[in-house]
Amino acid sequence: MILEVQHETQLSYSEPVAEWLTELRMQPVSDDSQSCHSFAINISQQAPVHSYLDGFGNRVHHFNLLTPHSQIRLLAASVVETSLKPVDLLGSPAAFPVDFSKADCDIHNFLSFRGPITASPLIAPLLSQLQPAEHERVGLWMQRVGSYLHEKFEYARYVTDSASPIDDILTHGKGVCQDFAHLMIAILRSFEVPARYVSGYVHRPNKESQSHA
C-alpha cells in the first residue's frame, strides 16, 4: 500500500519568541516492512534545515529560528510504501527464563530504565501479578501483559503529558497511548525482555489517521 502522509504542527505563543531551536523526528524509516519514497518539511518561517542519523537509525531534522515570532507552522509530508510482514510472536519458541546474551545486536538500550520509563516502586504490584511462569512462551506472556493493561487501565486524554513518567498512569489508572507503551516497556524490561518505544501512524480508511505509540 502506498500512503501519502501529511503531519501538521501549529504552535502559538502569547508573546513573541526571540529564538527557537528544535529537532524533528518525523521522517518514516525504511526497513523490511516499509519504504519511505519521499519526505519534505515546510516551515512557515525561513530557516536552513540540517539532519543527521541518531543512534537508532532515525533521521533527525533540526533548525533554528533567530527572528522573533509568535506563531509557527510545520508540515511534514511523506510518501511511504508498506508491505504486510506480520511478526509471529505467539509462534516464537522463546521461553522463560530468557537469555539474550547471544543477541546479534546491542540490547543494552532496550533493557535500561531512563526518562519516563523508570524502575518505579509503584510498579511492584503489577510485576507480582504478571510474573511469567517457568517455560512460559515470551510471546504468549507479552500478549497476557497487554491484555491485563487493557483491562486495568483506562485510555483518557489530558491526564498525562509528553513528559509524564510511568508513575502518573500507575497513580491515576489512566493515560494515553504513550503511557500504555511506557508502562508495558517497563514491565518487559523488568523481566529482562528487551523492548523499545516506537511511534508511528495508524491508518484508518475514510477517517483522519493518527500518530500513536
C-alpha atoms as a PDB file:
ATOM      1  CA  MET A   1       0.000   0.000   0.000  1.00  0.00           C
ATOM      2  CA  ILE A   2       1.274   3.479  -0.873  1.00  0.00           C
ATOM      3  CA  LEU A   3       0.396   6.133   1.695  1.00  0.00           C
ATOM      4  CA  GLU A   4       0.721   9.895   1.494  1.00  0.00           C
ATOM      5  CA  VAL A   5       1.126  11.334   4.972  1.00  0.00           C
ATOM      6  CA  GLN A   6       0.873  14.995   5.964  1.00  0.00           C
ATOM      7  CA  HIS A   7       1.644  15.796   9.588  1.00  0.00           C
ATOM      8  CA  GLU A   8       0.889  19.390  10.540  1.00  0.00           C
ATOM      9  CA  THR A   9       2.031  21.075  13.745  1.00  0.00           C
ATOM     10  CA  GLN A  10       0.989  24.607  14.726  1.00  0.00           C
ATOM     11  CA  LEU A  11       2.377  26.460  17.724  1.00  0.00           C
ATOM     12  CA  SER A  12       1.186  29.815  19.072  1.00  0.00           C
ATOM     13  CA  TYR A  13       2.703  31.907  21.851  1.00  0.00           C
ATOM     14  CA  SER A  14       1.188  34.662  24.000  1.00  0.00           C
ATOM     15  CA  GLU A  15       4.139  36.907  23.160  1.00  0.00           C
ATOM     16  CA  PRO A  16       6.910  36.813  20.547  1.00  0.00           C
ATOM     17  CA  VAL A  17       9.631  34.192  20.972  1.00  0.00           C
ATOM     18  CA  ALA A  18      13.099  35.612  20.287  1.00  0.00           C
ATOM     19  CA  GLU A  19      14.817  32.343  19.353  1.00  0.00           C
ATOM     20  CA  TRP A  20      13.591  28.798  18.702  1.00  0.00           C
ATOM     21  CA  LEU A  21      15.720  25.661  18.423  1.00  0.00           C
ATOM     22  CA  THR A  22      14.134  22.332  17.636  1.00  0.00           C
ATOM     23  CA  GLU A  23      14.678  18.763  16.484  1.00  0.00           C
ATOM     24  CA  LEU A  24      12.117  16.796  14.495  1.00  0.00           C
ATOM     25  CA  ARG A  25      11.857  13.032  14.260  1.00  0.00           C
ATOM     26  CA  MET A  26       9.168  12.972  11.602  1.00  0.00           C
ATOM     27  CA  GLN A  27      10.700  11.073   8.684  1.00  0.00           C
ATOM     28  CA  PRO A  28       9.438   7.475   8.441  1.00  0.00           C
ATOM     29  CA  VAL A  29      12.194   4.874   8.430  1.00  0.00           C
ATOM     30  CA  SER A  30      12.803   2.472   5.576  1.00  0.00           C
ATOM     31  CA  ASP A  31      13.043  -1.125   6.742  1.00  0.00           C
ATOM     32  CA  ASP A  32      11.810  -4.619   5.914  1.00  0.00           C
ATOM     33  CA  SER A  33       8.156  -3.606   6.195  1.00  0.00           C
ATOM     34  CA  GLN A  34       8.104  -0.165   4.560  1.00  0.00           C
ATOM     35  CA  SER A  35       9.995   2.183   2.247  1.00  0.00           C
ATOM     36  CA  CYS A  36       9.955   5.955   2.535  1.00  0.00           C
ATOM     37  CA  HIS A  37       9.941   7.173  -1.078  1.00  0.00           C
ATOM     38  CA  SER A  38       9.978  10.893  -0.291  1.00  0.00           C
ATOM     39  CA  PHE A  39       9.987  13.280   2.630  1.00  0.00           C
ATOM     40  CA  ALA A  40       9.857  17.074   2.879  1.00  0.00           C
ATOM     41  CA  ILE A  41       9.495  19.650   5.645  1.00  0.00           C
ATOM     42  CA  ASN A  42       7.784  23.004   5.120  1.00  0.00           C
ATOM     43  CA  ILE A  43       8.324  25.693   7.763  1.00  0.00           C
ATOM     44  CA  SER A  44       6.305  28.898   7.942  1.00  0.00           C
ATOM     45  CA  GLN A  45       9.498  30.810   8.791  1.00  0.00           C
ATOM     46  CA  GLN A  46      12.572  30.678   6.605  1.00  0.00           C
ATOM     47  CA  ALA A  47      15.358  28.616   8.143  1.00  0.00           C
ATOM     48  CA  PRO A  48      18.056  26.245   6.858  1.00  0.00           C
ATOM     49  CA  VAL A  49      17.264  22.661   7.848  1.00  0.00           C
ATOM     50  CA  HIS A  50      20.019  20.171   8.688  1.00  0.00           C
ATOM     51  CA  SER A  51      19.783  16.476   9.510  1.00  0.00           C
ATOM     52  CA  TYR A  52      21.677  13.544  10.991  1.00  0.00           C
ATOM     53  CA  LEU A  53      21.055   9.898  11.899  1.00  0.00           C
ATOM     54  CA  ASP A  54      20.635   9.161  15.596  1.00  0.00           C
ATOM     55  CA  GLY A  55      21.817   6.004  17.324  1.00  0.00           C
ATOM     56  CA  PHE A  56      18.599   4.158  16.471  1.00  0.00           C
ATOM     57  CA  GLY A  57      18.700   4.943  12.758  1.00  0.00           C
ATOM     58  CA  ASN A  58      16.127   7.741  12.845  1.00  0.00           C
ATOM     59  CA  ARG A  59      16.636  10.693  10.529  1.00  0.00           C
ATOM     60  CA  VAL A  60      16.602  13.788  12.764  1.00  0.00           C
ATOM     61  CA  HIS A  61      15.999  17.219  11.228  1.00  0.00           C
ATOM     62  CA  HIS A  62      16.982  20.316  13.191  1.00  0.00           C
ATOM     63  CA  PHE A  63      16.840  24.051  12.626  1.00  0.00           C
ATOM     64  CA  ASN A  64      16.946  27.373  14.464  1.00  0.00           C
ATOM     65  CA  LEU A  65      14.642  30.379  14.126  1.00  0.00           C
ATOM     66  CA  LEU A  66      16.547  33.526  15.033  1.00  0.00           C
ATOM     67  CA  THR A  67      13.852  36.129  14.341  1.00  0.00           C
ATOM     68  CA  PRO A  68      11.041  36.960  16.795  1.00  0.00           C
ATOM     69  CA  HIS A  69       7.783  35.140  16.059  1.00  0.00           C
ATOM     70  CA  SER A  70       4.513  34.382  17.846  1.00  0.00           C
ATOM     71  CA  GLN A  71       3.370  31.525  15.608  1.00  0.00           C
ATOM     72  CA  ILE A  72       4.992  28.703  13.692  1.00  0.00           C
ATOM     73  CA  ARG A  73       3.577  26.084  11.368  1.00  0.00           C
ATOM     74  CA  LEU A  74       5.378  22.876  10.400  1.00  0.00           C
ATOM     75  CA  LEU A  75       4.230  20.491   7.697  1.00  0.00           C
ATOM     76  CA  ALA A  76       5.997  17.148   7.245  1.00  0.00           C
ATOM     77  CA  ALA A  77       4.966  15.354   4.040  1.00  0.00           C
ATOM     78  CA  SER A  78       5.889  11.734   3.343  1.00  0.00           C
ATOM     79  CA  VAL A  79       5.177   9.088   0.738  1.00  0.00           C
ATOM     80  CA  VAL A  80       5.553   5.602   2.211  1.00  0.00           C
ATOM     81  CA  GLU A  81       5.035   2.181   0.654  1.00  0.00           C
ATOM     82  CA  THR A  82       4.171  -0.538   3.148  1.00  0.00           C
ATOM     83  CA  SER A  83       4.218  -4.307   2.860  1.00  0.00           C
ATOM     84  CA  LEU A  84       2.458  -6.576   5.335  1.00  0.00           C
ATOM     85  CA  LYS A  85       5.020  -8.751   7.092  1.00  0.00           C
ATOM     86  CA  PRO A  86       3.478  -9.741  10.423  1.00  0.00           C
ATOM     87  CA  VAL A  87       5.736 -10.884  13.218  1.00  0.00           C
ATOM     88  CA  ASP A  88       4.614 -14.200  14.680  1.00  0.00           C
ATOM     89  CA  LEU A  89       5.318 -13.500  18.343  1.00  0.00           C
ATOM     90  CA  LEU A  90       2.879 -16.148  19.511  1.00  0.00           C
ATOM     91  CA  GLY A  91       4.642 -18.788  17.441  1.00  0.00           C
ATOM     92  CA  SER A  92       8.105 -17.894  18.710  1.00  0.00           C
ATOM     93  CA  PRO A  93       9.768 -20.716  20.662  1.00  0.00           C
ATOM     94  CA  ALA A  94      11.480 -18.232  23.025  1.00  0.00           C
ATOM     95  CA  ALA A  95      10.508 -19.026  26.613  1.00  0.00           C
ATOM     96  CA  PHE A  96      11.370 -18.066  30.172  1.00  0.00           C
ATOM     97  CA  PRO A  97      13.912 -17.901  31.640  1.00  0.00           C
ATOM     98  CA  VAL A  98      15.145 -15.627  28.857  1.00  0.00           C
ATOM     99  CA  ASP A  99      18.762 -15.368  27.734  1.00  0.00           C
ATOM    100  CA  PHE A 100      19.660 -12.695  25.203  1.00  0.00           C
ATOM    101  CA  SER A 101      23.412 -12.832  25.834  1.00  0.00           C
ATOM    102  CA  LYS A 102      23.942 -14.048  22.269  1.00  0.00           C
ATOM    103  CA  ALA A 103      21.721 -11.443  20.614  1.00  0.00           C
ATOM    104  CA  ASP A 104      23.088 -10.174  17.290  1.00  0.00           C
ATOM    105  CA  CYS A 105      22.733  -6.528  18.374  1.00  0.00           C
ATOM    106  CA  ASP A 106      23.456  -4.367  21.420  1.00  0.00           C
ATOM    107  CA  ILE A 107      20.326  -4.661  23.555  1.00  0.00           C
ATOM    108  CA  HIS A 108      21.543  -2.544  26.487  1.00  0.00           C
ATOM    109  CA  ASN A 109      19.389   0.428  25.457  1.00  0.00           C
ATOM    110  CA  PHE A 110      16.338  -1.832  25.289  1.00  0.00           C
ATOM    111  CA  LEU A 111      16.802  -3.128  28.839  1.00  0.00           C
ATOM    112  CA  SER A 112      17.781   0.023  30.734  1.00  0.00           C
ATOM    113  CA  PHE A 113      15.486   2.386  32.634  1.00  0.00           C
ATOM    114  CA  ARG A 114      15.636   6.075  31.815  1.00  0.00           C
ATOM    115  CA  GLY A 115      13.420   9.077  31.124  1.00  0.00           C
ATOM    116  CA  PRO A 116       9.719   8.278  31.615  1.00  0.00           C
ATOM    117  CA  ILE A 117      10.452   4.530  31.764  1.00  0.00           C
ATOM    118  CA  THR A 118      11.569   4.255  35.361  1.00  0.00           C
ATOM    119  CA  ALA A 119      12.090   1.369  37.761  1.00  0.00           C
ATOM    120  CA  SER A 120       9.314   2.829  39.890  1.00  0.00           C
ATOM    121  CA  PRO A 121       8.388   1.104  43.179  1.00  0.00           C
ATOM    122  CA  LEU A 122       4.747   1.704  42.188  1.00  0.00           C
ATOM    123  CA  ILE A 123       5.080  -0.996  39.539  1.00  0.00           C
ATOM    124  CA  ALA A 124       5.785  -3.763  42.078  1.00  0.00           C
ATOM    125  CA  PRO A 125       2.136  -4.958  42.389  1.00  0.00           C
ATOM    126  CA  LEU A 126       1.903  -5.284  38.598  1.00  0.00           C
ATOM    127  CA  LEU A 127       5.112  -7.285  38.424  1.00  0.00           C
ATOM    128  CA  SER A 128       3.757  -9.623  41.076  1.00  0.00           C
ATOM    129  CA  GLN A 129       0.536 -10.136  39.098  1.00  0.00           C
ATOM    130  CA  LEU A 130       2.360 -10.633  35.802  1.00  0.00           C
ATOM    131  CA  GLN A 131       5.195 -12.898  36.920  1.00  0.00           C
ATOM    132  CA  PRO A 132       5.880 -15.253  33.986  1.00  0.00           C
ATOM    133  CA  ALA A 133       5.557 -18.963  34.603  1.00  0.00           C
ATOM    134  CA  GLU A 134       8.589 -21.175  34.147  1.00  0.00           C
ATOM    135  CA  HIS A 135       8.950 -22.132  30.474  1.00  0.00           C
ATOM    136  CA  GLU A 136       6.053 -19.807  29.508  1.00  0.00           C
ATOM    137  CA  ARG A 137       6.492 -18.591  25.943  1.00  0.00           C
ATOM    138  CA  VAL A 138       7.603 -14.978  25.814  1.00  0.00           C
ATOM    139  CA  GLY A 139       5.135 -14.102  23.038  1.00  0.00           C
ATOM    140  CA  LEU A 140       2.157 -15.532  24.919  1.00  0.00           C
ATOM    141  CA  TRP A 141       3.273 -13.776  28.101  1.00  0.00           C
ATOM    142  CA  MET A 142       3.545 -10.453  26.239  1.00  0.00           C
ATOM    143  CA  GLN A 143       0.001 -10.945  24.978  1.00  0.00           C
ATOM    144  CA  ARG A 144      -1.096 -11.593  28.561  1.00  0.00           C
ATOM    145  CA  VAL A 145       0.615  -8.405  29.744  1.00  0.00           C
ATOM    146  CA  GLY A 146      -1.036  -6.338  27.010  1.00  0.00           C
ATOM    147  CA  SER A 147      -4.490  -7.743  27.796  1.00  0.00           C
ATOM    148  CA  TYR A 148      -4.001  -7.095  31.509  1.00  0.00           C
ATOM    149  CA  LEU A 149      -3.074  -3.437  30.944  1.00  0.00           C
ATOM    150  CA  HIS A 150      -6.035  -3.012  28.585  1.00  0.00           C
ATOM    151  CA  GLU A 151      -8.387  -4.300  31.286  1.00  0.00           C
ATOM    152  CA  LYS A 152      -6.892  -2.494  34.280  1.00  0.00           C
ATOM    153  CA  PHE A 153      -6.141   0.950  32.831  1.00  0.00           C
ATOM    154  CA  GLU A 154      -8.338   3.483  31.058  1.00  0.00           C
ATOM    155  CA  TYR A 155      -7.464   5.368  27.873  1.00  0.00           C
ATOM    156  CA  ALA A 156      -8.055   9.035  28.710  1.00  0.00           C
ATOM    157  CA  ARG A 157      -6.603  12.272  27.364  1.00  0.00           C
ATOM    158  CA  TYR A 158      -5.402  15.294  29.353  1.00  0.00           C
ATOM    159  CA  VAL A 159      -4.464  13.241  32.421  1.00  0.00           C
ATOM    160  CA  THR A 160      -0.781  12.999  31.498  1.00  0.00           C
ATOM    161  CA  ASP A 161       1.583  14.921  29.226  1.00  0.00           C
ATOM    162  CA  SER A 162       4.504  14.114  26.955  1.00  0.00           C
ATOM    163  CA  ALA A 163       6.981  14.144  29.860  1.00  0.00           C
ATOM    164  CA  SER A 164       4.926  12.021  32.270  1.00  0.00           C
ATOM    165  CA  PRO A 165       6.769   9.106  33.907  1.00  0.00           C
ATOM    166  CA  ILE A 166       5.023   5.775  34.402  1.00  0.00           C
ATOM    167  CA  ASP A 167       4.209   6.853  37.971  1.00  0.00           C
ATOM    168  CA  ASP A 168       1.423   9.039  36.566  1.00  0.00           C
ATOM    169  CA  ILE A 169      -0.514   6.278  34.808  1.00  0.00           C
ATOM    170  CA  LEU A 170       0.102   3.990  37.786  1.00  0.00           C
ATOM    171  CA  THR A 171      -1.284   6.635  40.163  1.00  0.00           C
ATOM    172  CA  HIS A 172      -4.277   7.768  38.102  1.00  0.00           C
ATOM    173  CA  GLY A 173      -5.069   4.470  36.404  1.00  0.00           C
ATOM    174  CA  LYS A 174      -5.441   6.196  33.053  1.00  0.00           C
ATOM    175  CA  GLY A 175      -3.425   7.784  30.269  1.00  0.00           C
ATOM    176  CA  VAL A 176      -2.869   7.811  26.512  1.00  0.00           C
ATOM    177  CA  CYS A 177      -1.031   5.514  24.120  1.00  0.00           C
ATOM    178  CA  GLN A 178       2.463   6.630  25.120  1.00  0.00           C
ATOM    179  CA  ASP A 179       1.704   5.940  28.789  1.00  0.00           C
ATOM    180  CA  PHE A 180       0.490   2.419  27.993  1.00  0.00           C
ATOM    181  CA  ALA A 181       3.611   1.877  25.866  1.00  0.00           C
ATOM    182  CA  HIS A 182       5.967   3.195  28.567  1.00  0.00           C
ATOM    183  CA  LEU A 183       4.311   1.004  31.196  1.00  0.00           C
ATOM    184  CA  MET A 184       4.455  -2.142  29.089  1.00  0.00           C
ATOM    185  CA  ILE A 185       8.095  -1.482  28.217  1.00  0.00           C
ATOM    186  CA  ALA A 186       8.900  -1.075  31.915  1.00  0.00           C
ATOM    187  CA  ILE A 187       7.221  -4.405  32.696  1.00  0.00           C
ATOM    188  CA  LEU A 188       9.014  -6.230  29.889  1.00  0.00           C
ATOM    189  CA  ARG A 189      12.400  -4.815  30.838  1.00  0.00           C
ATOM    190  CA  SER A 190      11.796  -5.720  34.481  1.00  0.00           C
ATOM    191  CA  PHE A 191      11.745  -9.354  33.360  1.00  0.00           C
ATOM    192  CA  GLU A 192      14.821  -8.934  31.105  1.00  0.00           C
ATOM    193  CA  VAL A 193      12.800  -8.852  27.877  1.00  0.00           C
ATOM    194  CA  PRO A 194      14.250  -6.188  25.516  1.00  0.00           C
ATOM    195  CA  ALA A 195      11.662  -3.665  24.346  1.00  0.00           C
ATOM    196  CA  ARG A 196      11.702  -0.289  22.645  1.00  0.00           C
ATOM    197  CA  TYR A 197       9.334   2.615  22.072  1.00  0.00           C
ATOM    198  CA  VAL A 198       8.059   3.103  18.528  1.00  0.00           C
ATOM    199  CA  SER A 199       5.841   5.942  17.320  1.00  0.00           C
ATOM    200  CA  GLY A 200       4.028   5.810  14.002  1.00  0.00           C
ATOM    201  CA  TYR A 201       0.841   6.453  12.081  1.00  0.00           C
ATOM    202  CA  VAL A 202      -2.284   4.337  12.412  1.00  0.00           C
ATOM    203  CA  HIS A 203      -4.060   4.246   9.051  1.00  0.00           C
ATOM    204  CA  ARG A 204      -7.855   4.389   9.362  1.00  0.00           C
ATOM    205  CA  PRO A 205      -9.631   4.198   5.973  1.00  0.00           C
ATOM    206  CA  ASN A 206     -12.110   7.044   5.415  1.00  0.00           C
ATOM    207  CA  LYS A 207     -11.053   8.676   8.679  1.00  0.00           C
ATOM    208  CA  GLU A 208      -8.278  11.020   9.730  1.00  0.00           C
ATOM    209  CA  SER A 209      -5.222   8.963  10.627  1.00  0.00           C
ATOM    210  CA  GLN A 210      -3.459   9.462  13.932  1.00  0.00           C
ATOM    211  CA  SER A 211       0.018   9.183  15.369  1.00  0.00           C
ATOM    212  CA  HIS A 212       0.315   6.554  18.100  1.00  0.00           C
ATOM    213  CA  ALA A 213       2.915   4.781  20.234  1.00  0.00           C
END
